[in-house]
C-alpha cells in the first residue's frame, strides 16, 4: 500500500489535544501503511515575527518571506514546531524523525516569484532517506523549509511541500485543515471538485485566502500523481483508519483531464 502523506498546519498546531488525538490514530495507522507528516506553522511564525518586531504580508494566501525574516521563520518551523511535533509523536511511542525538505536532498527548490521574497518552489529529488525511514517503521515529520541550489534557505508553502513529498514517495496525499472540506456557493461542503468548478468558485470569491493555495496545491498533486486528493478536517482523525477502504473523506480533488 502506498504511503499516506498528511499535511497539517493552522489551528491544529495550537491544539495539543487535537494533535494528541491525531498521533493516537497514527499509532494504529502505521500498522498497515507508512505515514509521513508535512507541516507548516504559520501561526507560530506570525507569533515569532511579531515578537521580533516584524510583520509579513500575504499574496493570495501565500506568505511573503523577507530575507531578513528567514532566521526567525526557520527557527519557528524547523525548530519550535518540528521538535514539538516529534516530542508529541514520541510520547505516543511513535518513533519519529524531524526533518527539513532539503535533508537527505529529498527536495530541491527553485526561487519562487520575486514578489514573494525568500520563497522556494519545491521539486521531488532523492527518495532514499524517506524510503529508508518508512522501511524502518519511522514517522518522518518534515517542515516546509528548503534550500536553493546556492545553499540559501527558503520558506516553502506547506501545501506545495506536501505535494513534493507525495511525489517523492508515490504517496496518497491528505490535506488536513480546520474545516471539513471545500465549500460551494451555497455554503455546503462539496464531496468532490474539478478544476473548472474550482476556477469559477475562486473567481466568485467563494474559495478565498489560504484555501486558494490549498486547492491549487491539491489539483497540482492530483494531476502529477494521477490520483484524487482529499481535503478534510483534522477534528475527526479516526476517519483515517477507513481511508484505505475507499471511504469518502472531506472534499475529493480530482486530476485535470
Protein backbone atom coordinates (compact mmCIF):
# COMPACT_ATOMS: atom_id res chain seq x y z
CA UNK A 1 0.00 0.00 0.00
CA UNK A 2 1.30 3.46 -0.90
CA UNK A 3 2.42 5.68 1.99
CA UNK A 4 -0.01 8.27 3.32
CA UNK A 5 1.35 11.83 3.32
CA UNK A 6 -0.56 14.01 5.78
CA UNK A 7 -0.19 17.77 5.66
CA UNK A 8 -1.04 19.59 8.89
CA UNK A 9 -0.95 23.24 9.86
CA UNK A 10 -3.13 26.09 11.02
CA UNK A 11 -5.25 25.70 14.13
CA UNK A 12 -4.19 22.13 14.92
CA UNK A 13 -0.69 23.41 15.67
CA UNK A 14 -2.11 25.32 18.65
CA UNK A 15 -4.35 22.48 19.85
CA UNK A 16 -2.31 19.93 21.79
CA UNK A 17 -5.40 17.82 22.47
CA UNK A 18 -6.16 17.55 18.76
CA UNK A 19 -2.54 16.66 17.97
CA UNK A 20 -2.58 14.04 20.72
CA UNK A 21 -5.71 12.52 19.18
CA UNK A 22 -4.15 12.54 15.71
CA UNK A 23 -1.00 10.75 16.88
CA UNK A 24 -3.11 8.19 18.75
CA UNK A 25 -4.73 7.34 15.41
CA UNK A 26 -1.38 7.25 13.61
CA UNK A 27 -0.15 4.56 16.02
CA UNK A 28 -2.83 2.27 14.57
CA UNK A 29 -2.48 3.52 11.00
CA UNK A 30 1.24 2.75 10.93
CA UNK A 31 0.42 -0.92 11.44
CA UNK A 32 -1.00 -1.06 7.91
CA UNK A 33 0.94 1.55 5.91
CA UNK A 34 3.78 4.05 6.02
CA UNK A 35 2.94 7.59 7.11
CA UNK A 36 4.73 10.91 6.58
CA UNK A 37 3.70 14.23 8.13
CA UNK A 38 4.46 17.50 6.38
CA UNK A 39 3.77 20.66 8.35
CA UNK A 40 3.74 24.41 8.18
CA UNK A 41 3.02 26.54 11.21
CA UNK A 42 2.03 30.00 10.10
CA UNK A 43 0.52 30.90 13.45
CA UNK A 44 3.81 30.18 15.24
CA UNK A 45 5.77 32.05 12.57
CA UNK A 46 3.50 35.10 12.99
CA UNK A 47 3.98 34.98 16.75
CA UNK A 48 7.78 34.82 16.49
CA UNK A 49 7.92 37.57 13.86
CA UNK A 50 5.76 39.88 15.96
CA UNK A 51 7.98 39.36 19.00
CA UNK A 52 10.95 40.36 16.84
CA UNK A 53 9.14 43.47 15.63
CA UNK A 54 8.39 42.18 12.11
CA UNK A 55 5.20 41.77 10.14
CA UNK A 56 4.75 39.72 6.98
CA UNK A 57 2.22 40.14 4.20
CA UNK A 58 0.38 37.51 2.19
CA UNK A 59 -0.46 37.39 -1.52
CA UNK A 60 -3.35 35.04 -2.40
CA UNK A 61 -2.80 33.18 0.84
CA UNK A 62 0.97 32.82 0.30
CA UNK A 63 3.35 34.35 2.84
CA UNK A 64 5.81 36.96 1.63
CA UNK A 65 9.09 35.92 3.27
CA UNK A 66 11.55 38.78 3.60
CA UNK A 67 15.16 37.57 3.57
CA UNK A 68 15.67 39.29 6.94
CA UNK A 69 12.88 37.15 8.39
CA UNK A 70 14.35 33.78 7.37
CA UNK A 71 16.32 33.07 10.59
CA UNK A 72 13.09 33.58 12.55
CA UNK A 73 10.92 31.61 10.12
CA UNK A 74 13.45 28.76 10.04
CA UNK A 75 13.72 28.71 13.83
CA UNK A 76 9.94 28.62 14.20
CA UNK A 77 9.28 25.87 11.65
CA UNK A 78 12.40 23.67 11.73
CA UNK A 79 12.92 24.28 15.44
CA UNK A 80 9.96 25.08 17.67
CA UNK A 81 7.15 23.47 15.67
CA UNK A 82 9.05 20.49 14.26
CA UNK A 83 10.61 19.41 17.54
CA UNK A 84 7.34 19.82 19.44
CA UNK A 85 5.64 17.52 16.93
CA UNK A 86 8.47 14.98 17.22
CA UNK A 87 8.21 15.07 21.01
CA UNK A 88 4.46 14.58 20.93
CA UNK A 89 4.74 11.66 18.49
CA UNK A 90 7.44 10.05 20.62
CA UNK A 91 5.18 10.35 23.67
CA UNK A 92 2.79 8.01 21.84
CA UNK A 93 5.63 5.53 21.25
CA UNK A 94 5.83 6.50 17.59
CA UNK A 95 9.47 6.54 16.55
CA UNK A 96 9.64 9.84 14.69
CA UNK A 97 12.35 11.87 12.97
CA UNK A 98 12.20 15.64 12.44
CA UNK A 99 13.43 16.84 9.06
CA UNK A 100 13.50 19.78 6.64
CA UNK A 101 12.81 19.37 2.93
CA UNK A 102 16.49 19.50 1.96
CA UNK A 103 17.63 16.85 4.45
CA UNK A 104 18.96 13.89 2.50
CA UNK A 105 18.48 16.02 -0.63
CA UNK A 106 14.86 14.85 -0.62
CA UNK A 107 13.53 18.00 -2.27
CA UNK A 108 15.19 20.65 -4.41
CA UNK A 109 13.88 24.22 -4.54
CA UNK A 110 13.93 26.91 -7.19
CA UNK A 111 13.20 30.58 -6.47
CA UNK A 112 9.50 31.45 -6.48
CA UNK A 113 8.10 34.72 -7.84
CA UNK A 114 10.29 37.61 -6.73
CA UNK A 115 7.34 39.35 -5.06
CA UNK A 116 7.16 36.50 -2.52
CA UNK A 117 10.70 37.11 -1.31
CA UNK A 118 12.79 34.24 0.08
CA UNK A 119 10.36 31.53 -1.04
CA UNK A 120 11.09 28.31 -2.91
CA UNK A 121 9.20 26.14 -5.37
CA UNK A 122 9.83 22.50 -4.37
CA UNK A 123 10.58 19.54 -6.63
CA UNK A 124 10.93 15.92 -5.53
CA UNK A 125 14.55 14.77 -5.86
CA UNK A 126 16.11 11.96 -3.79
CA UNK A 127 13.73 9.45 -2.10
CA UNK A 128 16.42 7.37 -0.36
CA UNK A 129 16.13 8.92 3.11
CA UNK A 130 12.33 8.94 3.16
CA UNK A 131 12.14 5.36 1.91
CA UNK A 132 14.71 4.18 4.47
CA UNK A 133 12.74 5.76 7.31
CA UNK A 134 9.46 4.26 6.10
CA UNK A 135 11.10 0.83 5.79
CA UNK A 136 12.31 1.20 9.39
CA UNK A 137 8.70 1.97 10.51
CA UNK A 138 9.72 5.51 11.45
CA UNK A 139 7.45 8.54 11.14
CA UNK A 140 9.18 11.34 9.17
CA UNK A 141 7.91 14.75 10.29
CA UNK A 142 9.00 17.24 7.64
CA UNK A 143 8.85 21.02 7.96
CA UNK A 144 8.38 23.36 5.00
CA UNK A 145 11.90 24.83 4.98
CA UNK A 146 14.07 24.04 1.97
CA UNK A 147 17.13 25.32 0.16
CA UNK A 148 18.10 26.75 -3.19
CA UNK A 149 20.96 25.34 -5.26
CA UNK A 150 23.28 28.02 -3.85
CA UNK A 151 22.61 26.86 -0.29
CA UNK A 152 20.27 29.68 0.73
CA UNK A 153 17.36 28.64 2.94
CA UNK A 154 13.86 29.33 1.66
CA UNK A 155 10.35 29.18 3.04
CA UNK A 156 8.04 26.85 1.10
CA UNK A 157 4.27 26.82 1.10
CA UNK A 158 3.46 23.75 3.21
CA UNK A 159 0.79 22.51 0.80
CA UNK A 160 3.30 22.63 -2.06
CA UNK A 161 5.86 20.90 0.16
CA UNK A 162 3.38 18.10 0.84
CA UNK A 163 2.81 17.70 -2.91
CA UNK A 164 6.55 17.31 -3.50
CA UNK A 165 6.88 14.72 -0.72
CA UNK A 166 3.88 12.81 -2.08
CA UNK A 167 5.53 12.71 -5.47
CA UNK A 168 8.82 11.67 -3.85
CA UNK A 169 7.34 8.51 -2.29
CA UNK A 170 4.39 8.00 -4.67
CA UNK A 171 2.15 8.63 -1.70
CA UNK A 172 -1.53 9.35 -1.18
CA UNK A 173 -1.94 12.96 -0.07
CA UNK A 174 -4.32 14.17 2.61
CA UNK A 175 -4.53 17.89 3.37
CA UNK A 176 -5.82 18.33 6.92
CA UNK A 177 -7.35 21.72 7.66
CA UNK A 178 -9.65 23.24 10.27
CA UNK A 179 -12.72 22.82 8.05
CA UNK A 180 -14.37 19.66 6.77
CA UNK A 181 -13.60 20.34 3.12
CA UNK A 182 -14.15 22.96 0.42
CA UNK A 183 -17.42 24.87 0.46
CA UNK A 184 -19.54 25.58 -2.60
CA UNK A 185 -21.54 28.70 -3.41
CA UNK A 186 -24.43 27.52 -1.20
CA UNK A 187 -22.14 27.21 1.83
CA UNK A 188 -22.28 23.42 1.94
CA UNK A 189 -19.17 21.24 1.76
CA UNK A 190 -18.54 19.74 -1.66
CA UNK A 191 -17.99 15.95 -1.87
CA UNK A 192 -15.84 16.47 -4.98
CA UNK A 193 -14.32 19.28 -7.01
CA UNK A 194 -12.88 19.57 -10.52
CA UNK A 195 -10.68 22.30 -11.97
CA UNK A 196 -13.48 24.07 -13.85
CA UNK A 197 -15.65 24.27 -10.73
CA UNK A 198 -12.73 25.47 -8.62
CA UNK A 199 -11.77 28.22 -11.08
CA UNK A 200 -15.32 29.57 -11.03
CA UNK A 201 -15.51 29.45 -7.22
CA UNK A 202 -12.21 31.32 -6.95
CA UNK A 203 -13.42 33.91 -9.49
CA UNK A 204 -16.62 34.37 -7.48
CA UNK A 205 -14.68 34.76 -4.23
CA UNK A 206 -16.21 31.63 -2.68
CA UNK A 207 -12.81 29.98 -2.44
CA UNK A 208 -10.54 32.65 -0.96
CA UNK A 209 -7.48 33.30 1.20
CA UNK A 210 -5.41 30.31 2.23
CA UNK A 211 -7.93 27.89 0.70
CA UNK A 212 -6.91 29.10 -2.79
CA UNK A 213 -3.34 27.88 -2.22
CA UNK A 214 -4.63 24.64 -0.69
CA UNK A 215 -6.96 23.88 -3.60
CA UNK A 216 -4.32 24.78 -6.20
CA UNK A 217 -1.79 22.53 -4.45
CA UNK A 218 -4.35 19.70 -4.37
CA UNK A 219 -5.02 19.98 -8.11
CA UNK A 220 -1.28 20.09 -8.77
CA UNK A 221 -0.79 16.95 -6.69
CA UNK A 222 -3.76 15.13 -8.20
CA UNK A 223 -2.57 15.87 -11.73
CA UNK A 224 1.07 14.93 -11.07
CA UNK A 225 0.22 11.80 -9.08
CA UNK A 226 -2.75 10.83 -11.28
CA UNK A 227 -4.96 10.18 -8.26
CA UNK A 228 -7.51 12.12 -6.24
CA UNK A 229 -6.51 14.18 -3.19
CA UNK A 230 -8.61 14.64 -0.05
CA UNK A 231 -9.06 17.96 1.75
CA UNK A 232 -10.67 17.33 5.13
CA UNK A 233 -10.74 18.29 8.81
CA UNK A 234 -8.28 17.23 11.50
CA UNK A 235 -11.12 17.24 14.01
CA UNK A 236 -12.08 13.61 13.32
CA UNK A 237 -8.75 11.81 12.72
CA UNK A 238 -10.29 8.38 13.35
CA UNK A 239 -11.59 8.63 9.76
CA UNK A 240 -8.01 7.99 8.61
CA UNK A 241 -8.34 4.37 9.66
CA UNK A 242 -11.01 3.77 6.99
CA UNK A 243 -9.29 5.73 4.23
CA UNK A 244 -7.78 2.59 2.68
CA UNK A 245 -11.27 1.12 2.41
CA UNK A 246 -12.20 3.80 -0.07
CA UNK A 247 -14.47 5.79 2.23
CA UNK A 248 -15.00 9.43 1.33
CA UNK A 249 -13.13 12.00 3.40
CA UNK A 250 -13.94 15.70 3.05
CA UNK A 251 -13.72 17.08 -0.49
CA UNK A 252 -12.08 14.94 -3.17
CA UNK A 253 -9.98 16.89 -5.66
CA UNK A 254 -9.72 15.10 -8.99
CA UNK A 255 -6.89 15.27 -11.55
CA UNK A 256 -7.18 17.52 -14.58
CA UNK A 257 -8.12 15.57 -17.66
